[in-house]
């Protein structure tokens, strides 16, 4: 039974496409700027401080970069 079970993510890919097609507009750019100035600034600081370190594993770096992109695009898989 356990081998037949699977984890299903609710990706809502249509929301991602709506967000991406909305970004080139003036309203989309202002929303992106607000996200970067607000919450993404903290994520960006984490990425800058961790990317140059050689003792940090690649998966930790990828997770930090993913959180930055998710915050900037307001799109989270989960």
PDB file of N, CA and C in Angstrom:
ATOM      1  N   UNK A   1       0.809  -1.193   0.000  1.00  0.00           N
ATOM      2  CA  UNK A   1       0.000   0.000   0.000  1.00  0.00           C
ATOM      3  C   UNK A   1       0.857   1.265   0.000  1.00  0.00           C
ATOM      4  N   UNK A   2       1.897   1.245   0.800  1.00  0.00           N
ATOM      5  CA  UNK A   2       2.719   2.445   0.918  1.00  0.00           C
ATOM      6  C   UNK A   2       3.430   2.768  -0.383  1.00  0.00           C
ATOM      7  N   UNK A   3       3.792   1.739  -1.145  1.00  0.00           N
ATOM      8  CA  UNK A   3       4.490   1.997  -2.408  1.00  0.00           C
ATOM      9  C   UNK A   3       3.562   2.597  -3.456  1.00  0.00           C
ATOM     10  N   UNK A   4       2.258   2.442  -3.289  1.00  0.00           N
ATOM     11  CA  UNK A   4       1.319   2.988  -4.256  1.00  0.00           C
ATOM     12  C   UNK A   4       0.878   4.404  -3.923  1.00  0.00           C
ATOM     13  N   UNK A   5       1.210   4.866  -2.732  1.00  0.00           N
ATOM     14  CA  UNK A   5       0.802   6.224  -2.369  1.00  0.00           C
ATOM     15  C   UNK A   5       1.754   7.233  -3.003  1.00  0.00           C
ATOM     16  N   UNK A   6       1.267   8.419  -3.204  1.00  0.00           N
ATOM     17  CA  UNK A   6       2.068   9.463  -3.843  1.00  0.00           C
ATOM     18  C   UNK A   6       1.759  10.801  -3.188  1.00  0.00           C
ATOM     19  N   UNK A   7       2.726  11.672  -3.257  1.00  0.00           N
ATOM     20  CA  UNK A   7       2.538  13.038  -2.761  1.00  0.00           C
ATOM     21  C   UNK A   7       2.100  13.900  -3.936  1.00  0.00           C
ATOM     22  N   UNK A   8       1.038  14.623  -3.764  1.00  0.00           N
ATOM     23  CA  UNK A   8       0.506  15.463  -4.834  1.00  0.00           C
ATOM     24  C   UNK A   8       0.631  16.918  -4.408  1.00  0.00           C
ATOM     25  N   UNK A   9       1.246  17.712  -5.252  1.00  0.00           N
ATOM     26  CA  UNK A   9       1.380  19.135  -4.989  1.00  0.00           C
ATOM     27  C   UNK A   9       0.304  19.896  -5.754  1.00  0.00           C
ATOM     28  N   UNK A  10      -0.242  20.875  -5.116  1.00  0.00           N
ATOM     29  CA  UNK A  10      -1.244  21.736  -5.738  1.00  0.00           C
ATOM     30  C   UNK A  10      -0.511  22.924  -6.330  1.00  0.00           C
ATOM     31  N   UNK A  11      -0.105  22.805  -7.572  1.00  0.00           N
ATOM     32  CA  UNK A  11       0.759  23.815  -8.182  1.00  0.00           C
ATOM     33  C   UNK A  11       0.012  25.053  -8.653  1.00  0.00           C
ATOM     34  N   UNK A  12      -1.210  24.905  -9.048  1.00  0.00           N
ATOM     35  CA  UNK A  12      -1.979  25.998  -9.620  1.00  0.00           C
ATOM     36  C   UNK A  12      -1.153  26.728 -10.686  1.00  0.00           C
ATOM     37  N   UNK A  13      -0.780  25.990 -11.717  1.00  0.00           N
ATOM     38  CA  UNK A  13       0.066  26.521 -12.772  1.00  0.00           C
ATOM     39  C   UNK A  13      -0.591  27.695 -13.479  1.00  0.00           C
ATOM     40  N   UNK A  14      -1.928  27.735 -13.493  1.00  0.00           N
ATOM     41  CA  UNK A  14      -2.609  28.865 -14.124  1.00  0.00           C
ATOM     42  C   UNK A  14      -2.334  30.159 -13.365  1.00  0.00           C
ATOM     43  N   UNK A  15      -2.188  30.078 -12.048  1.00  0.00           N
ATOM     44  CA  UNK A  15      -1.855  31.268 -11.257  1.00  0.00           C
ATOM     45  C   UNK A  15      -0.455  31.770 -11.609  1.00  0.00           C
ATOM     46  N   UNK A  16       0.490  30.835 -11.834  1.00  0.00           N
ATOM     47  CA  UNK A  16       1.845  31.231 -12.227  1.00  0.00           C
ATOM     48  C   UNK A  16       1.831  31.955 -13.561  1.00  0.00           C
ATOM     49  N   UNK A  17       1.100  31.414 -14.549  1.00  0.00           N
ATOM     50  CA  UNK A  17       1.040  32.064 -15.859  1.00  0.00           C
ATOM     51  C   UNK A  17       0.345  33.420 -15.785  1.00  0.00           C
ATOM     52  N   UNK A  18      -0.682  33.524 -14.956  1.00  0.00           N
ATOM     53  CA  UNK A  18      -1.349  34.808 -14.773  1.00  0.00           C
ATOM     54  C   UNK A  18      -0.390  35.828 -14.174  1.00  0.00           C
ATOM     55  N   UNK A  19       0.396  35.416 -13.200  1.00  0.00           N
ATOM     56  CA  UNK A  19       1.363  36.313 -12.577  1.00  0.00           C
ATOM     57  C   UNK A  19       2.434  36.739 -13.567  1.00  0.00           C
ATOM     58  N   UNK A  20       2.965  35.786 -14.329  1.00  0.00           N
ATOM     59  CA  UNK A  20       4.041  36.100 -15.277  1.00  0.00           C
ATOM     60  C   UNK A  20       3.541  37.004 -16.401  1.00  0.00           C
ATOM     61  N   UNK A  21       2.350  36.770 -16.913  1.00  0.00           N
ATOM     62  CA  UNK A  21       1.845  37.631 -17.983  1.00  0.00           C
ATOM     63  C   UNK A  21       1.422  39.003 -17.465  1.00  0.00           C
ATOM     64  N   UNK A  22       1.196  39.099 -16.169  1.00  0.00           N
ATOM     65  CA  UNK A  22       0.811  40.367 -15.557  1.00  0.00           C
ATOM     66  C   UNK A  22       2.029  41.254 -15.276  1.00  0.00           C
ATOM     67  N   UNK A  23       3.228  40.665 -15.155  1.00  0.00           N
ATOM     68  CA  UNK A  23       4.427  41.418 -14.781  1.00  0.00           C
ATOM     69  C   UNK A  23       4.839  42.506 -15.781  1.00  0.00           C
ATOM     70  N   UNK A  24       4.746  42.301 -17.093  1.00  0.00           N
ATOM     71  CA  UNK A  24       5.190  43.349 -18.017  1.00  0.00           C
ATOM     72  C   UNK A  24       4.332  44.619 -18.012  1.00  0.00           C
ATOM     73  N   UNK A  25       3.199  44.593 -17.370  1.00  0.00           N
ATOM     74  CA  UNK A  25       2.357  45.792 -17.331  1.00  0.00           C
ATOM     75  C   UNK A  25       2.865  46.749 -16.248  1.00  0.00           C
ATOM     76  N   UNK A  26       2.414  47.962 -16.302  1.00  0.00           N
ATOM     77  CA  UNK A  26       2.808  48.958 -15.301  1.00  0.00           C
ATOM     78  C   UNK A  26       2.364  48.544 -13.905  1.00  0.00           C
ATOM     79  N   UNK A  27       1.156  48.047 -13.810  1.00  0.00           N
ATOM     80  CA  UNK A  27       0.653  47.594 -12.515  1.00  0.00           C
ATOM     81  C   UNK A  27       1.460  46.403 -11.993  1.00  0.00           C
ATOM     82  N   UNK A  28       1.813  45.486 -12.882  1.00  0.00           N
ATOM     83  CA  UNK A  28       2.611  44.325 -12.491  1.00  0.00           C
ATOM     84  C   UNK A  28       3.991  44.709 -12.008  1.00  0.00           C
ATOM     85  N   UNK A  29       4.606  45.669 -12.689  1.00  0.00           N
ATOM     86  CA  UNK A  29       5.934  46.129 -12.264  1.00  0.00           C
ATOM     87  C   UNK A  29       5.879  46.842 -10.923  1.00  0.00           C
ATOM     88  N   UNK A  30       4.811  47.579 -10.681  1.00  0.00           N
ATOM     89  CA  UNK A  30       4.700  48.245  -9.382  1.00  0.00           C
ATOM     90  C   UNK A  30       4.470  47.229  -8.268  1.00  0.00           C
ATOM     91  N   UNK A  31       3.701  46.174  -8.550  1.00  0.00           N
ATOM     92  CA  UNK A  31       3.508  45.116  -7.558  1.00  0.00           C
ATOM     93  C   UNK A  31       4.812  44.377  -7.285  1.00  0.00           C
ATOM     94  N   UNK A  32       5.569  44.093  -8.346  1.00  0.00           N
ATOM     95  CA  UNK A  32       6.855  43.432  -8.186  1.00  0.00           C
ATOM     96  C   UNK A  32       7.816  44.296  -7.376  1.00  0.00           C
ATOM     97  N   UNK A  33       7.830  45.588  -7.656  1.00  0.00           N
ATOM     98  CA  UNK A  33       8.670  46.504  -6.896  1.00  0.00           C
ATOM     99  C   UNK A  33       8.282  46.553  -5.427  1.00  0.00           C
ATOM    100  N   UNK A  34       6.988  46.506  -5.168  1.00  0.00           N
ATOM    101  CA  UNK A  34       6.525  46.513  -3.781  1.00  0.00           C
ATOM    102  C   UNK A  34       6.917  45.230  -3.069  1.00  0.00           C
ATOM    103  N   UNK A  35       6.838  44.100  -3.768  1.00  0.00           N
ATOM    104  CA  UNK A  35       7.241  42.831  -3.151  1.00  0.00           C
ATOM    105  C   UNK A  35       8.738  42.817  -2.866  1.00  0.00           C
ATOM    106  N   UNK A  36       9.534  43.324  -3.800  1.00  0.00           N
ATOM    107  CA  UNK A  36      10.985  43.344  -3.611  1.00  0.00           C
ATOM    108  C   UNK A  36      11.364  44.309  -2.498  1.00  0.00           C
ATOM    109  N   UNK A  37      10.701  45.454  -2.449  1.00  0.00           N
ATOM    110  CA  UNK A  37      11.003  46.428  -1.387  1.00  0.00           C
ATOM    111  C   UNK A  37      10.543  45.933  -0.024  1.00  0.00           C
ATOM    112  N   UNK A  38       9.527  45.099  -0.006  1.00  0.00           N
ATOM    113  CA  UNK A  38       8.986  44.613   1.268  1.00  0.00           C
ATOM    114  C   UNK A  38       9.637  43.323   1.695  1.00  0.00           C
ATOM    115  N   UNK A  39       8.974  42.232   1.434  1.00  0.00           N
ATOM    116  CA  UNK A  39       9.412  40.925   1.939  1.00  0.00           C
ATOM    117  C   UNK A  39      10.632  40.380   1.200  1.00  0.00           C
ATOM    118  N   UNK A  40      10.732  40.612  -0.092  1.00  0.00           N
ATOM    119  CA  UNK A  40      11.826  40.031  -0.857  1.00  0.00           C
ATOM    120  C   UNK A  40      13.176  40.626  -0.488  1.00  0.00           C
ATOM    121  N   UNK A  41      13.196  41.807   0.103  1.00  0.00           N
ATOM    122  CA  UNK A  41      14.470  42.401   0.502  1.00  0.00           C
ATOM    123  C   UNK A  41      15.161  41.531   1.541  1.00  0.00           C
ATOM    124  N   UNK A  42      14.409  40.963   2.455  1.00  0.00           N
ATOM    125  CA  UNK A  42      14.990  40.073   3.451  1.00  0.00           C
ATOM    126  C   UNK A  42      15.487  38.779   2.811  1.00  0.00           C
ATOM    127  N   UNK A  43      14.721  38.252   1.867  1.00  0.00           N
ATOM    128  CA  UNK A  43      15.139  37.046   1.154  1.00  0.00           C
ATOM    129  C   UNK A  43      16.384  37.332   0.316  1.00  0.00           C
ATOM    130  N   UNK A  44      16.428  38.513  -0.313  1.00  0.00           N
ATOM    131  CA  UNK A  44      17.584  38.891  -1.123  1.00  0.00           C
ATOM    132  C   UNK A  44      18.834  38.996  -0.257  1.00  0.00           C
ATOM    133  N   UNK A  45      18.709  39.535   0.927  1.00  0.00           N
ATOM    134  CA  UNK A  45      19.839  39.624   1.848  1.00  0.00           C
ATOM    135  C   UNK A  45      20.347  38.225   2.203  1.00  0.00           C
ATOM    136  N   UNK A  46      19.433  37.296   2.465  1.00  0.00           N
ATOM    137  CA  UNK A  46      19.838  35.920   2.759  1.00  0.00           C
ATOM    138  C   UNK A  46      20.579  35.289   1.589  1.00  0.00           C
ATOM    139  N   UNK A  47      20.099  35.519   0.379  1.00  0.00           N
ATOM    140  CA  UNK A  47      20.739  34.956  -0.807  1.00  0.00           C
ATOM    141  C   UNK A  47      22.132  35.550  -0.992  1.00  0.00           C
ATOM    142  N   UNK A  48      22.267  36.849  -0.837  1.00  0.00           N
ATOM    143  CA  UNK A  48      23.563  37.491  -1.020  1.00  0.00           C
ATOM    144  C   UNK A  48      24.579  36.975  -0.009  1.00  0.00           C
ATOM    145  N   UNK A  49      24.159  36.800   1.243  1.00  0.00           N
ATOM    146  CA  UNK A  49      25.099  36.355   2.267  1.00  0.00           C
ATOM    147  C   UNK A  49      25.472  34.886   2.143  1.00  0.00           C
ATOM    148  N   UNK A  50      24.625  34.069   1.534  1.00  0.00           N
ATOM    149  CA  UNK A  50      24.886  32.630   1.500  1.00  0.00           C
ATOM    150  C   UNK A  50      25.494  32.145   0.180  1.00  0.00           C
ATOM    151  N   UNK A  51      25.295  32.847  -0.919  1.00  0.00           N
ATOM    152  CA  UNK A  51      25.738  32.354  -2.225  1.00  0.00           C
ATOM    153  C   UNK A  51      27.256  32.281  -2.319  1.00  0.00           C
ATOM    154  N   UNK A  52      27.974  33.231  -1.776  1.00  0.00           N
ATOM    155  CA  UNK A  52      29.425  33.238  -1.888  1.00  0.00           C
ATOM    156  C   UNK A  52      30.140  32.276  -0.959  1.00  0.00           C
ATOM    157  N   UNK A  53      29.444  31.683  -0.024  1.00  0.00           N
ATOM    158  CA  UNK A  53      30.078  30.785   0.937  1.00  0.00           C
ATOM    159  C   UNK A  53      30.264  29.395   0.340  1.00  0.00           C
ATOM    160  N   UNK A  54      31.485  28.889   0.445  1.00  0.00           N
ATOM    161  CA  UNK A  54      31.784  27.578  -0.114  1.00  0.00           C
ATOM    162  C   UNK A  54      31.420  26.441   0.835  1.00  0.00           C
ATOM    163  N   UNK A  55      31.253  26.728   2.116  1.00  0.00           N
ATOM    164  CA  UNK A  55      30.942  25.673   3.081  1.00  0.00           C
ATOM    165  C   UNK A  55      29.450  25.363   3.184  1.00  0.00           C
ATOM    166  N   UNK A  56      28.623  26.111   2.462  1.00  0.00           N
ATOM    167  CA  UNK A  56      27.177  25.885   2.472  1.00  0.00           C
ATOM    168  C   UNK A  56      26.832  24.990   1.287  1.00  0.00           C
ATOM    169  N   UNK A  57      26.007  23.974   1.522  1.00  0.00           N
ATOM    170  CA  UNK A  57      25.665  23.032   0.458  1.00  0.00           C
ATOM    171  C   UNK A  57      24.788  23.689  -0.615  1.00  0.00           C
ATOM    172  N   UNK A  58      24.805  23.077  -1.780  1.00  0.00           N
ATOM    173  CA  UNK A  58      24.076  23.637  -2.921  1.00  0.00           C
ATOM    174  C   UNK A  58      22.578  23.604  -2.704  1.00  0.00           C
ATOM    175  N   UNK A  59      22.083  22.601  -1.972  1.00  0.00           N
ATOM    176  CA  UNK A  59      20.632  22.527  -1.776  1.00  0.00           C
ATOM    177  C   UNK A  59      20.129  23.626  -0.842  1.00  0.00           C
ATOM    178  N   UNK A  60      20.947  24.063   0.106  1.00  0.00           N
ATOM    179  CA  UNK A  60      20.568  25.191   0.965  1.00  0.00           C
ATOM    180  C   UNK A  60      20.543  26.476   0.138  1.00  0.00           C
ATOM    181  N   UNK A  61      21.534  26.625  -0.745  1.00  0.00           N
ATOM    182  CA  UNK A  61      21.566  27.803  -1.631  1.00  0.00           C
ATOM    183  C   UNK A  61      20.357  27.813  -2.561  1.00  0.00           C
ATOM    184  N   UNK A  62      20.023  26.653  -3.120  1.00  0.00           N
ATOM    185  CA  UNK A  62      18.873  26.560  -4.030  1.00  0.00           C
ATOM    186  C   UNK A  62      17.573  26.875  -3.304  1.00  0.00           C
ATOM    187  N   UNK A  63      17.456  26.433  -2.056  1.00  0.00           N
ATOM    188  CA  UNK A  63      16.249  26.720  -1.283  1.00  0.00           C
ATOM    189  C   UNK A  63      16.110  28.218  -1.030  1.00  0.00           C
ATOM    190  N   UNK A  64      17.212  28.890  -0.705  1.00  0.00           N
ATOM    191  CA  UNK A  64      17.168  30.340  -0.471  1.00  0.00           C
ATOM    192  C   UNK A  64      16.797  31.081  -1.753  1.00  0.00           C
ATOM    193  N   UNK A  65      17.376  30.676  -2.878  1.00  0.00           N
ATOM    194  CA  UNK A  65      17.062  31.314  -4.159  1.00  0.00           C
ATOM    195  C   UNK A  65      15.605  31.053  -4.536  1.00  0.00           C
ATOM    196  N   UNK A  66      15.132  29.841  -4.291  1.00  0.00           N
ATOM    197  CA  UNK A  66      13.731  29.514  -4.561  1.00  0.00           C
ATOM    198  C   UNK A  66      12.770  30.341  -3.732  1.00  0.00           C
ATOM    199  N   UNK A  67      13.117  30.573  -2.472  1.00  0.00           N
ATOM    200  CA  UNK A  67      12.262  31.406  -1.625  1.00  0.00           C
ATOM    201  C   UNK A  67      12.235  32.844  -2.128  1.00  0.00           C
ATOM    202  N   UNK A  68      13.379  33.330  -2.631  1.00  0.00           N
ATOM    203  CA  UNK A  68      13.420  34.687  -3.185  1.00  0.00           C
ATOM    204  C   UNK A  68      12.524  34.793  -4.414  1.00  0.00           C
ATOM    205  N   UNK A  69      12.632  33.832  -5.305  1.00  0.00           N
ATOM    206  CA  UNK A  69      11.803  33.840  -6.531  1.00  0.00           C
ATOM    207  C   UNK A  69      10.328  33.694  -6.172  1.00  0.00           C
ATOM    208  N   UNK A  70      10.014  32.811  -5.234  1.00  0.00           N
ATOM    209  CA  UNK A  70       8.616  32.619  -4.829  1.00  0.00           C
ATOM    210  C   UNK A  70       8.038  33.883  -4.219  1.00  0.00           C
ATOM    211  N   UNK A  71       8.836  34.577  -3.419  1.00  0.00           N
ATOM    212  CA  UNK A  71       8.358  35.812  -2.810  1.00  0.00           C
ATOM    213  C   UNK A  71       8.191  36.909  -3.859  1.00  0.00           C
ATOM    214  N   UNK A  72       9.131  36.995  -4.794  1.00  0.00           N
ATOM    215  CA  UNK A  72       9.040  38.032  -5.830  1.00  0.00           C
ATOM    216  C   UNK A  72       7.858  37.795  -6.759  1.00  0.00           C
ATOM    217  N   UNK A  73       7.602  36.543  -7.108  1.00  0.00           N
ATOM    218  CA  UNK A  73       6.505  36.238  -8.023  1.00  0.00           C
ATOM    219  C   UNK A  73       5.181  35.998  -7.316  1.00  0.00           C
ATOM    220  N   UNK A  74       5.215  35.917  -5.988  1.00  0.00           N
ATOM    221  CA  UNK A  74       4.027  35.632  -5.177  1.00  0.00           C
ATOM    222  C   UNK A  74       3.426  34.301  -5.630  1.00  0.00           C
ATOM    223  N   UNK A  75       4.270  33.299  -5.813  1.00  0.00           N
ATOM    224  CA  UNK A  75       3.837  31.972  -6.250  1.00  0.00           C
ATOM    225  C   UNK A  75       4.563  30.931  -5.410  1.00  0.00           C
ATOM    226  N   UNK A  76       3.826  30.135  -4.704  1.00  0.00           N
ATOM    227  CA  UNK A  76       4.407  29.113  -3.832  1.00  0.00           C
ATOM    228  C   UNK A  76       3.774  27.772  -4.153  1.00  0.00           C
ATOM    229  N   UNK A  77       4.602  26.731  -4.255  1.00  0.00           N
ATOM    230  CA  UNK A  77       4.110  25.376  -4.466  1.00  0.00           C
ATOM    231  C   UNK A  77       3.932  24.751  -3.101  1.00  0.00           C
ATOM    232  N   UNK A  78       2.809  24.185  -2.863  1.00  0.00           N
ATOM    233  CA  UNK A  78       2.649  23.549  -1.564  1.00  0.00           C
ATOM    234  C   UNK A  78       1.311  23.147  -1.368  1.00  0.00           C
TER     235      UNK A  78
END
